[in-house]
Amino acid sequence: MTKGPALIQEMISCLSQLAVMAKWDKATTPRLETLENVMKLSQMIIQGLSDKKSPLLQLPHFNDDFVKYCHRNKKQQVKSLRNTH
């Protein structure tokens, strides 16, 4: 799957060009959700992670067992990578 990231990057480039050209023609404006979905797909392909898996698996040395431990810990339950403080 060596051509996947290049294909996704080209899709992002095409969407960006359509957005720039949309200043003159509103009918060809790409939806923001389309760009967001392509960028999420890019991340999934590069990291090899499906959208159903925990984002904690993106961290080095994390595996399924450690993620389960993080979810079970009652004092400090970790659900995502975002800092909430």
PDB file of N, CA and C in Angstrom:
ATOM      1  N   MET A   1       0.840  -1.193   0.000  1.00  0.00           N
ATOM      2  CA  MET A   1       0.000   0.000   0.000  1.00  0.00           C
ATOM      3  C   MET A   1       0.877   1.245   0.000  1.00  0.00           C
ATOM      4  N   THR A   2       1.800   1.311  -0.911  1.00  0.00           N
ATOM      5  CA  THR A   2       2.715   2.450  -0.962  1.00  0.00           C
ATOM      6  C   THR A   2       2.115   3.645  -1.690  1.00  0.00           C
ATOM      7  N   LYS A   3       1.084   3.422  -2.482  1.00  0.00           N
ATOM      8  CA  LYS A   3       0.499   4.524  -3.240  1.00  0.00           C
ATOM      9  C   LYS A   3      -0.674   5.172  -2.527  1.00  0.00           C
ATOM     10  N   GLY A   4      -1.120   4.589  -1.428  1.00  0.00           N
ATOM     11  CA  GLY A   4      -2.267   5.118  -0.683  1.00  0.00           C
ATOM     12  C   GLY A   4      -2.060   6.536  -0.190  1.00  0.00           C
ATOM     13  N   PRO A   5      -0.979   6.822   0.544  1.00  0.00           N
ATOM     14  CA  PRO A   5      -0.774   8.186   1.032  1.00  0.00           C
ATOM     15  C   PRO A   5      -0.666   9.227  -0.090  1.00  0.00           C
ATOM     16  N   ALA A   6      -0.030   8.861  -1.203  1.00  0.00           N
ATOM     17  CA  ALA A   6       0.081   9.798  -2.327  1.00  0.00           C
ATOM     18  C   ALA A   6      -1.292  10.077  -2.938  1.00  0.00           C
ATOM     19  N   LEU A   7      -2.127   9.054  -3.027  1.00  0.00           N
ATOM     20  CA  LEU A   7      -3.472   9.228  -3.559  1.00  0.00           C
ATOM     21  C   LEU A   7      -4.311  10.136  -2.648  1.00  0.00           C
ATOM     22  N   ILE A   8      -4.231   9.901  -1.356  1.00  0.00           N
ATOM     23  CA  ILE A   8      -4.974  10.727  -0.395  1.00  0.00           C
ATOM     24  C   ILE A   8      -4.483  12.170  -0.455  1.00  0.00           C
ATOM     25  N   GLN A   9      -3.176  12.371  -0.547  1.00  0.00           N
ATOM     26  CA  GLN A   9      -2.630  13.731  -0.629  1.00  0.00           C
ATOM     27  C   GLN A   9      -3.131  14.443  -1.886  1.00  0.00           C
ATOM     28  N   GLU A  10      -3.224  13.720  -2.975  1.00  0.00           N
ATOM     29  CA  GLU A  10      -3.731  14.310  -4.217  1.00  0.00           C
ATOM     30  C   GLU A  10      -5.214  14.662  -4.089  1.00  0.00           C
ATOM     31  N   MET A  11      -5.970  13.831  -3.370  1.00  0.00           N
ATOM     32  CA  MET A  11      -7.387  14.145  -3.136  1.00  0.00           C
ATOM     33  C   MET A  11      -7.512  15.441  -2.330  1.00  0.00           C
ATOM     34  N   ILE A  12      -6.673  15.610  -1.311  1.00  0.00           N
ATOM     35  CA  ILE A  12      -6.690  16.836  -0.505  1.00  0.00           C
ATOM     36  C   ILE A  12      -6.313  18.027  -1.369  1.00  0.00           C
ATOM     37  N   SER A  13      -5.330  17.852  -2.233  1.00  0.00           N
ATOM     38  CA  SER A  13      -4.912  18.925  -3.130  1.00  0.00           C
ATOM     39  C   SER A  13      -6.045  19.327  -4.077  1.00  0.00           C
ATOM     40  N   CYS A  14      -6.739  18.342  -4.639  1.00  0.00           N
ATOM     41  CA  CYS A  14      -7.857  18.631  -5.550  1.00  0.00           C
ATOM     42  C   CYS A  14      -8.982  19.364  -4.828  1.00  0.00           C
ATOM     43  N   LEU A  15      -9.289  18.929  -3.614  1.00  0.00           N
ATOM     44  CA  LEU A  15     -10.346  19.597  -2.845  1.00  0.00           C
ATOM     45  C   LEU A  15      -9.958  21.038  -2.527  1.00  0.00           C
ATOM     46  N   SER A  16      -8.687  21.261  -2.227  1.00  0.00           N
ATOM     47  CA  SER A  16      -8.213  22.624  -1.951  1.00  0.00           C
ATOM     48  C   SER A  16      -8.337  23.504  -3.191  1.00  0.00           C
ATOM     49  N   GLN A  17      -7.967  22.966  -4.343  1.00  0.00           N
ATOM     50  CA  GLN A  17      -8.084  23.735  -5.585  1.00  0.00           C
ATOM     51  C   GLN A  17      -9.540  24.042  -5.910  1.00  0.00           C
ATOM     52  N   LEU A  18     -10.433  23.074  -5.676  1.00  0.00           N
ATOM     53  CA  LEU A  18     -11.861  23.328  -5.897  1.00  0.00           C
ATOM     54  C   LEU A  18     -12.381  24.418  -4.964  1.00  0.00           C
ATOM     55  N   ALA A  19     -11.886  24.421  -3.729  1.00  0.00           N
ATOM     56  CA  ALA A  19     -12.319  25.445  -2.778  1.00  0.00           C
ATOM     57  C   ALA A  19     -11.867  26.828  -3.226  1.00  0.00           C
ATOM     58  N   VAL A  20     -10.653  26.926  -3.766  1.00  0.00           N
ATOM     59  CA  VAL A  20     -10.154  28.218  -4.261  1.00  0.00           C
ATOM     60  C   VAL A  20     -10.952  28.670  -5.475  1.00  0.00           C
ATOM     61  N   MET A  21     -11.244  27.742  -6.383  1.00  0.00           N
ATOM     62  CA  MET A  21     -12.022  28.096  -7.579  1.00  0.00           C
ATOM     63  C   MET A  21     -13.477  28.392  -7.245  1.00  0.00           C
ATOM     64  N   ALA A  22     -13.939  27.938  -6.094  1.00  0.00           N
ATOM     65  CA  ALA A  22     -15.345  28.134  -5.723  1.00  0.00           C
ATOM     66  C   ALA A  22     -15.667  29.591  -5.443  1.00  0.00           C
ATOM     67  N   LYS A  23     -14.648  30.427  -5.307  1.00  0.00           N
ATOM     68  CA  LYS A  23     -14.899  31.861  -5.113  1.00  0.00           C
ATOM     69  C   LYS A  23     -15.685  32.431  -6.285  1.00  0.00           C
ATOM     70  N   TRP A  24     -15.450  31.862  -7.481  1.00  0.00           N
ATOM     71  CA  TRP A  24     -16.118  32.365  -8.674  1.00  0.00           C
ATOM     72  C   TRP A  24     -17.372  31.553  -9.024  1.00  0.00           C
ATOM     73  N   ASP A  25     -17.379  30.288  -8.635  1.00  0.00           N
ATOM     74  CA  ASP A  25     -18.514  29.431  -8.980  1.00  0.00           C
ATOM     75  C   ASP A  25     -18.959  28.667  -7.727  1.00  0.00           C
ATOM     76  N   LYS A  26     -20.003  29.143  -7.092  1.00  0.00           N
ATOM     77  CA  LYS A  26     -20.466  28.544  -5.831  1.00  0.00           C
ATOM     78  C   LYS A  26     -21.008  27.133  -6.011  1.00  0.00           C
ATOM     79  N   ALA A  27     -21.358  26.722  -7.203  1.00  0.00           N
ATOM     80  CA  ALA A  27     -21.915  25.392  -7.433  1.00  0.00           C
ATOM     81  C   ALA A  27     -20.873  24.286  -7.247  1.00  0.00           C
ATOM     82  N   THR A  28     -19.586  24.607  -7.410  1.00  0.00           N
ATOM     83  CA  THR A  28     -18.547  23.588  -7.302  1.00  0.00           C
ATOM     84  C   THR A  28     -17.863  23.577  -5.935  1.00  0.00           C
ATOM     85  N   THR A  29     -18.428  24.264  -4.977  1.00  0.00           N
ATOM     86  CA  THR A  29     -17.811  24.327  -3.654  1.00  0.00           C
ATOM     87  C   THR A  29     -17.853  22.954  -2.983  1.00  0.00           C
ATOM     88  N   PRO A  30     -16.685  22.417  -2.620  1.00  0.00           N
ATOM     89  CA  PRO A  30     -16.695  21.132  -1.902  1.00  0.00           C
ATOM     90  C   PRO A  30     -17.160  21.345  -0.462  1.00  0.00           C
ATOM     91  N   ARG A  31     -17.805  20.338   0.077  1.00  0.00           N
ATOM     92  CA  ARG A  31     -18.289  20.434   1.452  1.00  0.00           C
ATOM     93  C   ARG A  31     -17.122  20.255   2.423  1.00  0.00           C
ATOM     94  N   LEU A  32     -17.195  20.928   3.544  1.00  0.00           N
ATOM     95  CA  LEU A  32     -16.152  20.832   4.554  1.00  0.00           C
ATOM     96  C   LEU A  32     -16.045  19.404   5.095  1.00  0.00           C
ATOM     97  N   GLU A  33     -17.183  18.712   5.206  1.00  0.00           N
ATOM     98  CA  GLU A  33     -17.167  17.330   5.687  1.00  0.00           C
ATOM     99  C   GLU A  33     -16.346  16.424   4.773  1.00  0.00           C
ATOM    100  N   THR A  34     -16.376  16.713   3.483  1.00  0.00           N
ATOM    101  CA  THR A  34     -15.606  15.909   2.536  1.00  0.00           C
ATOM    102  C   THR A  34     -14.121  16.042   2.815  1.00  0.00           C
ATOM    103  N   LEU A  35     -13.666  17.270   3.002  1.00  0.00           N
ATOM    104  CA  LEU A  35     -12.250  17.506   3.290  1.00  0.00           C
ATOM    105  C   LEU A  35     -11.856  16.868   4.623  1.00  0.00           C
ATOM    106  N   GLU A  36     -12.707  17.016   5.628  1.00  0.00           N
ATOM    107  CA  GLU A  36     -12.418  16.416   6.936  1.00  0.00           C
ATOM    108  C   GLU A  36     -12.322  14.895   6.835  1.00  0.00           C
ATOM    109  N   ASN A  37     -13.234  14.279   6.097  1.00  0.00           N
ATOM    110  CA  ASN A  37     -13.221  12.825   5.962  1.00  0.00           C
ATOM    111  C   ASN A  37     -11.980  12.332   5.224  1.00  0.00           C
ATOM    112  N   VAL A  38     -11.556  13.070   4.217  1.00  0.00           N
ATOM    113  CA  VAL A  38     -10.347  12.671   3.484  1.00  0.00           C
ATOM    114  C   VAL A  38      -9.123  12.798   4.388  1.00  0.00           C
ATOM    115  N   MET A  39      -9.084  13.828   5.208  1.00  0.00           N
ATOM    116  CA  MET A  39      -7.952  14.002   6.120  1.00  0.00           C
ATOM    117  C   MET A  39      -7.946  12.904   7.194  1.00  0.00           C
ATOM    118  N   LYS A  40      -9.123  12.516   7.687  1.00  0.00           N
ATOM    119  CA  LYS A  40      -9.201  11.415   8.649  1.00  0.00           C
ATOM    120  C   LYS A  40      -8.752  10.108   8.000  1.00  0.00           C
ATOM    121  N   LEU A  41      -9.150   9.906   6.754  1.00  0.00           N
ATOM    122  CA  LEU A  41      -8.739   8.717   6.025  1.00  0.00           C
ATOM    123  C   LEU A  41      -7.223   8.684   5.868  1.00  0.00           C
ATOM    124  N   SER A  42      -6.638   9.829   5.610  1.00  0.00           N
ATOM    125  CA  SER A  42      -5.186   9.924   5.489  1.00  0.00           C
ATOM    126  C   SER A  42      -4.515   9.473   6.779  1.00  0.00           C
ATOM    127  N   GLN A  43      -5.024   9.938   7.891  1.00  0.00           N
ATOM    128  CA  GLN A  43      -4.456   9.567   9.183  1.00  0.00           C
ATOM    129  C   GLN A  43      -4.600   8.062   9.423  1.00  0.00           C
ATOM    130  N   MET A  44      -5.747   7.506   9.082  1.00  0.00           N
ATOM    131  CA  MET A  44      -5.966   6.073   9.294  1.00  0.00           C
ATOM    132  C   MET A  44      -5.033   5.232   8.436  1.00  0.00           C
ATOM    133  N   ILE A  45      -4.795   5.661   7.206  1.00  0.00           N
ATOM    134  CA  ILE A  45      -3.917   4.898   6.309  1.00  0.00           C
ATOM    135  C   ILE A  45      -2.476   4.979   6.786  1.00  0.00           C
ATOM    136  N   ILE A  46      -2.049   6.169   7.177  1.00  0.00           N
ATOM    137  CA  ILE A  46      -0.659   6.346   7.610  1.00  0.00           C
ATOM    138  C   ILE A  46      -0.396   5.587   8.902  1.00  0.00           C
ATOM    139  N   GLN A  47      -1.322   5.674   9.850  1.00  0.00           N
ATOM    140  CA  GLN A  47      -1.107   5.046  11.145  1.00  0.00           C
ATOM    141  C   GLN A  47      -1.626   3.613  11.192  1.00  0.00           C
ATOM    142  N   GLY A  48      -2.357   3.198  10.192  1.00  0.00           N
ATOM    143  CA  GLY A  48      -2.877   1.840  10.166  1.00  0.00           C
ATOM    144  C   GLY A  48      -3.876   1.575  11.267  1.00  0.00           C
ATOM    145  N   LEU A  49      -4.740   2.530  11.555  1.00  0.00           N
ATOM    146  CA  LEU A  49      -5.670   2.431  12.668  1.00  0.00           C
ATOM    147  C   LEU A  49      -7.079   2.684  12.170  1.00  0.00           C
ATOM    148  N   SER A  50      -7.988   1.768  12.466  1.00  0.00           N
ATOM    149  CA  SER A  50      -9.368   1.980  12.041  1.00  0.00           C
ATOM    150  C   SER A  50     -10.044   2.964  12.981  1.00  0.00           C
ATOM    151  N   ASP A  51     -11.164   3.517  12.536  1.00  0.00           N
ATOM    152  CA  ASP A  51     -11.854   4.515  13.352  1.00  0.00           C
ATOM    153  C   ASP A  51     -12.561   3.893  14.551  1.00  0.00           C
ATOM    154  N   LYS A  52     -12.668   2.582  14.615  1.00  0.00           N
ATOM    155  CA  LYS A  52     -13.312   1.903  15.737  1.00  0.00           C
ATOM    156  C   LYS A  52     -12.333   1.604  16.875  1.00  0.00           C
ATOM    157  N   LYS A  53     -11.043   1.713  16.602  1.00  0.00           N
ATOM    158  CA  LYS A  53     -10.016   1.450  17.612  1.00  0.00           C
ATOM    159  C   LYS A  53      -9.801   2.675  18.497  1.00  0.00           C
ATOM    160  N   SER A  54      -9.251   2.436  19.660  1.00  0.00           N
ATOM    161  CA  SER A  54      -8.970   3.519  20.599  1.00  0.00           C
ATOM    162  C   SER A  54      -7.841   4.400  20.074  1.00  0.00           C
ATOM    163  N   PRO A  55      -7.969   5.722  20.209  1.00  0.00           N
ATOM    164  CA  PRO A  55      -6.883   6.606  19.779  1.00  0.00           C
ATOM    165  C   PRO A  55      -5.622   6.436  20.617  1.00  0.00           C
ATOM    166  N   LEU A  56      -5.738   5.795  21.770  1.00  0.00           N
ATOM    167  CA  LEU A  56      -4.562   5.552  22.598  1.00  0.00           C
ATOM    168  C   LEU A  56      -3.566   4.623  21.917  1.00  0.00           C
ATOM    169  N   LEU A  57      -4.031   3.817  20.975  1.00  0.00           N
ATOM    170  CA  LEU A  57      -3.135   2.908  20.265  1.00  0.00           C
ATOM    171  C   LEU A  57      -2.154   3.650  19.358  1.00  0.00           C
ATOM    172  N   GLN A  58      -2.349   4.946  19.180  1.00  0.00           N
ATOM    173  CA  GLN A  58      -1.420   5.740  18.379  1.00  0.00           C
ATOM    174  C   GLN A  58      -0.131   6.032  19.158  1.00  0.00           C
ATOM    175  N   LEU A  59      -0.194   5.879  20.471  1.00  0.00           N
ATOM    176  CA  LEU A  59       0.970   6.167  21.305  1.00  0.00           C
ATOM    177  C   LEU A  59       1.972   5.023  21.247  1.00  0.00           C
ATOM    178  N   PRO A  60       3.256   5.339  21.333  1.00  0.00           N
ATOM    179  CA  PRO A  60       4.267   4.279  21.318  1.00  0.00           C
ATOM    180  C   PRO A  60       4.120   3.360  22.535  1.00  0.00           C
ATOM    181  N   HIS A  61       4.352   2.097  22.356  1.00  0.00           N
ATOM    182  CA  HIS A  61       4.348   1.072  23.402  1.00  0.00           C
ATOM    183  C   HIS A  61       2.964   0.785  23.969  1.00  0.00           C
ATOM    184  N   PHE A  62       1.897   1.300  23.374  1.00  0.00           N
ATOM    185  CA  PHE A  62       0.542   0.983  23.818  1.00  0.00           C
ATOM    186  C   PHE A  62       0.047  -0.212  23.016  1.00  0.00           C
ATOM    187  N   ASN A  63      -0.579  -1.145  23.701  1.00  0.00           N
ATOM    188  CA  ASN A  63      -1.200  -2.279  23.029  1.00  0.00           C
ATOM    189  C   ASN A  63      -2.624  -2.430  23.571  1.00  0.00           C
ATOM    190  N   ASP A  64      -3.343  -3.424  23.084  1.00  0.00           N
ATOM    191  CA  ASP A  64      -4.741  -3.594  23.482  1.00  0.00           C
ATOM    192  C   ASP A  64      -4.892  -3.826  24.984  1.00  0.00           C
ATOM    193  N   ASP A  65      -3.975  -4.571  25.567  1.00  0.00           N
ATOM    194  CA  ASP A  65      -4.071  -4.839  27.003  1.00  0.00           C
ATOM    195  C   ASP A  65      -3.905  -3.565  27.827  1.00  0.00           C
ATOM    196  N   PHE A  66      -2.946  -2.726  27.443  1.00  0.00           N
ATOM    197  CA  PHE A  66      -2.723  -1.490  28.189  1.00  0.00           C
ATOM    198  C   PHE A  66      -3.890  -0.521  28.006  1.00  0.00           C
ATOM    199  N   VAL A  67      -4.480  -0.502  26.830  1.00  0.00           N
ATOM    200  CA  VAL A  67      -5.658   0.348  26.589  1.00  0.00           C
ATOM    201  C   VAL A  67      -6.821  -0.112  27.462  1.00  0.00           C
ATOM    202  N   LYS A  68      -7.018  -1.438  27.567  1.00  0.00           N
ATOM    203  CA  LYS A  68      -8.071  -1.954  28.441  1.00  0.00           C
ATOM    204  C   LYS A  68      -7.827  -1.543  29.884  1.00  0.00           C
ATOM    205  N   TYR A  69      -6.567  -1.591  30.313  1.00  0.00           N
ATOM    206  CA  TYR A  69      -6.226  -1.163  31.673  1.00  0.00           C
ATOM    207  C   TYR A  69      -6.573   0.317  31.874  1.00  0.00           C
ATOM    208  N   CYS A  70      -6.257   1.150  30.905  1.00  0.00           N
ATOM    209  CA  CYS A  70      -6.549   2.587  31.011  1.00  0.00           C
ATOM    210  C   CYS A  70      -8.050   2.846  31.102  1.00  0.00           C
ATOM    211  N   HIS A  71      -8.842   2.052  30.411  1.00  0.00           N
ATOM    212  CA  HIS A  71     -10.291   2.229  30.450  1.00  0.00           C
ATOM    213  C   HIS A  71     -10.892   1.694  31.746  1.00  0.00           C
ATOM    214  N   ARG A  72     -10.255   0.686  32.361  1.00  0.00           N
ATOM    215  CA  ARG A  72     -10.778   0.093  33.596  1.00  0.00           C
ATOM    216  C   ARG A  72     -10.404   0.882  34.838  1.00  0.00           C
ATOM    217  N   ASN A  73      -9.330   1.641  34.801  1.00  0.00           N
ATOM    218  CA  ASN A  73      -8.839   2.368  35.969  1.00  0.00           C
ATOM    219  C   ASN A  73      -9.911   3.352  36.437  1.00  0.00           C
ATOM    220  N   LYS A  74     -10.428   3.162  37.635  1.00  0.00           N
ATOM    221  CA  LYS A  74     -11.554   3.978  38.143  1.00  0.00           C
ATOM    222  C   LYS A  74     -11.106   5.371  38.579  1.00  0.00           C
ATOM    223  N   LYS A  75      -9.885   5.508  39.123  1.00  0.00           N
ATOM    224  CA  LYS A  75      -9.446   6.818  39.622  1.00  0.00           C
ATOM    225  C   LYS A  75      -9.212   7.816  38.490  1.00  0.00           C
ATOM    226  N   GLN A  76      -8.519   7.381  37.485  1.00  0.00           N
ATOM    227  CA  GLN A  76      -8.184   8.258  36.357  1.00  0.00           C
ATOM    228  C   GLN A  76      -8.458   7.513  35.059  1.00  0.00           C
ATOM    229  N   GLN A  77      -9.706   7.477  34.671  1.00  0.00           N
ATOM    230  CA  GLN A  77     -10.074   6.764  33.456  1.00  0.00           C
ATOM    231  C   GLN A  77      -9.664   7.590  32.240  1.00  0.00           C
ATOM    232  N   VAL A  78      -8.884   6.987  31.358  1.00  0.00           N
ATOM    233  CA  VAL A  78      -8.394   7.649  30.158  1.00  0.00           C
ATOM    234  C   VAL A  78      -9.210   7.159  28.971  1.00  0.00           C
ATOM    235  N   LYS A  79      -9.811   8.103  28.244  1.00  0.00           N
ATOM    236  CA  LYS A  79     -10.605   7.725  27.082  1.00  0.00           C
ATOM    237  C   LYS A  79     -10.045   8.273  25.774  1.00  0.00           C
ATOM    238  N   SER A  80      -9.284   9.351  25.852  1.00  0.00           N
ATOM    239  CA  SER A  80      -8.757   9.945  24.625  1.00  0.00           C
ATOM    240  C   SER A  80      -7.414  10.589  24.907  1.00  0.00           C
ATOM    241  N   LEU A  81      -6.809  11.128  23.857  1.00  0.00           N
ATOM    242  CA  LEU A  81      -5.512  11.782  23.982  1.00  0.00           C
ATOM    243  C   LEU A  81      -5.642  13.256  24.335  1.00  0.00           C
ATOM    244  N   ARG A  82      -6.804  13.811  24.234  1.00  0.00           N
ATOM    245  CA  ARG A  82      -7.014  15.231  24.482  1.00  0.00           C
ATOM    246  C   ARG A  82      -6.871  15.539  25.971  1.00  0.00           C
ATOM    247  N   ASN A  83      -6.127  16.585  26.275  1.00  0.00           N
ATOM    248  CA  ASN A  83      -5.950  17.032  27.648  1.00  0.00           C
ATOM    249  C   ASN A  83      -7.156  17.872  28.044  1.00  0.00           C
ATOM    250  N   THR A  84      -7.839  17.507  29.119  1.00  0.00           N
ATOM    251  CA  THR A  84      -9.056  18.210  29.507  1.00  0.00           C
ATOM    252  C   THR A  84      -8.836  19.217  30.627  1.00  0.00           C
ATOM    253  N   HIS A  85      -7.604  19.407  31.060  1.00  0.00           N
ATOM    254  CA  HIS A  85      -7.341  20.337  32.174  1.00  0.00           C
ATOM    255  C   HIS A  85      -7.262  21.752  31.680  1.00  0.00           C
TER     256      HIS A  85
END
